Amino acid sequence: MKRLNLDNSIKLFEESERYIPNGIIGIKHPSHYPYQEYPIYLKSGKGVRVIDVDGNEYIDFLCSFGPTILG
């Protein structure tokens, strides 16, 4: 299986580690996933499709779970 290009997401995660303990807020830490496959940083979205900072396109099966929590 071909791996996604996540170079920009990895750089952003490394930067976030300078400001946030463990680099992420929440229970899903990158160490729980295969190396360099999480977290991803989203750039845009429309409807159920979202695009990350590396240009990968995803379908949002969680139906905007994050924005729902934020109100």
Protein backbone atom coordinates (compact mmCIF):
# COMPACT_ATOMS: atom_id res chain seq x y z
CA MET A 1 0.00 0.00 0.00
CA LYS A 2 1.31 3.44 -0.90
CA ARG A 3 1.88 5.74 2.07
CA LEU A 4 0.54 9.28 2.14
CA ASN A 5 2.91 12.19 1.83
CA LEU A 6 2.67 13.92 5.21
CA ASP A 7 5.88 15.97 5.15
CA ASN A 8 4.18 19.29 5.94
CA SER A 9 1.99 17.74 8.66
CA ILE A 10 5.06 16.22 10.30
CA LYS A 11 6.83 19.59 10.27
CA LEU A 12 3.79 21.26 11.85
CA PHE A 13 3.61 18.56 14.51
CA GLU A 14 7.29 19.02 15.34
CA GLU A 15 6.68 22.77 15.68
CA SER A 16 3.64 22.19 17.90
CA GLU A 17 5.81 20.16 20.31
CA ARG A 18 7.64 23.39 21.15
CA TYR A 19 4.41 25.01 22.41
CA ILE A 20 2.13 22.18 23.58
CA PRO A 21 3.22 19.31 25.87
CA ASN A 22 3.52 16.17 23.69
CA GLY A 23 2.62 18.32 20.67
CA ILE A 24 -1.09 17.54 20.74
CA ILE A 25 -4.14 18.17 22.89
CA GLY A 26 -6.26 15.07 23.37
CA ILE A 27 -5.96 11.34 23.97
CA LYS A 28 -4.89 10.27 20.48
CA HIS A 29 -1.14 10.70 20.65
CA PRO A 30 0.94 10.00 17.52
CA SER A 31 2.75 7.20 19.37
CA HIS A 32 -0.52 5.19 19.22
CA TYR A 33 -0.34 5.07 15.41
CA PRO A 34 2.16 3.87 12.79
CA TYR A 35 5.16 6.20 12.55
CA GLN A 36 4.47 9.43 10.62
CA GLU A 37 0.80 8.71 9.86
CA TYR A 38 -0.78 10.94 12.50
CA PRO A 39 -1.54 13.75 13.22
CA ILE A 40 -2.59 15.42 10.00
CA TYR A 41 -3.27 19.14 9.71
CA LEU A 42 -6.25 20.15 7.62
CA LYS A 43 -6.09 23.10 5.24
CA SER A 44 -9.60 23.23 3.83
CA GLY A 45 -12.88 21.42 3.53
CA LYS A 46 -16.17 21.50 1.72
CA GLY A 47 -19.06 19.23 2.53
CA VAL A 48 -17.67 15.87 3.63
CA ARG A 49 -14.31 16.29 1.86
CA VAL A 50 -11.30 17.75 3.64
CA ILE A 51 -7.79 18.44 2.34
CA ASP A 52 -4.68 18.44 4.49
CA VAL A 53 -1.64 20.72 4.23
CA ASP A 54 0.07 18.10 2.04
CA GLY A 55 -2.74 18.01 -0.55
CA ASN A 56 -4.22 14.64 0.51
CA GLU A 57 -8.01 14.46 0.31
CA TYR A 58 -10.14 12.65 2.90
CA ILE A 59 -13.83 11.98 3.51
CA ASP A 60 -14.99 13.17 6.94
CA PHE A 61 -16.79 10.10 8.29
CA LEU A 62 -16.95 11.70 11.76
CA CYS A 63 -19.17 14.48 10.41
CA SER A 64 -17.16 17.39 11.80
CA PHE A 65 -16.76 15.90 15.27
CA GLY A 66 -14.24 18.61 16.24
CA PRO A 67 -16.37 21.63 15.32
CA THR A 68 -19.39 20.03 17.00
CA ILE A 69 -17.49 19.82 20.28
CA LEU A 70 -16.41 23.45 19.96
CA GLY A 71 -19.97 24.61 19.63
